[in-house]
Amino acid sequence: MDDLRNDKEERERQLQDENAELQGNIAKMRAELEAIMKEMQDLMDTKLGLELEIAAYRKLLEGEENRCVGGLVMLTYTVIDFVEFTEVTEYK
């Protein structure tokens, strides 16, 4: 009977040790997961900031393109007017 009781107590100690080890592993994995989630959030924040910056530069670039195209159109009209004026004055 004492042997059974000793075996039972030994098995309980082993189970408690295994349980403590598993709880430690769980705590370690939770800490790793938390660190990964923090890094992921930092990366998402950086990504959002870069996307906003890209959108701002894109808007500036489009405005510059529109300004250049508008200037090119005005230059074209000026050249056409000059050519027409020159043709008219040459025939006189």
Foldseek 3Di string as FASTA:
>chain_A
DVVVVVVVVVVVVVVVVVVVVVVVVVVVVVVVVVVVVVVVVVVVVVVVVVVVVVVVVVVVVVVVVVVVVVVVVVVVVVVVVVVVVVVVVVVD
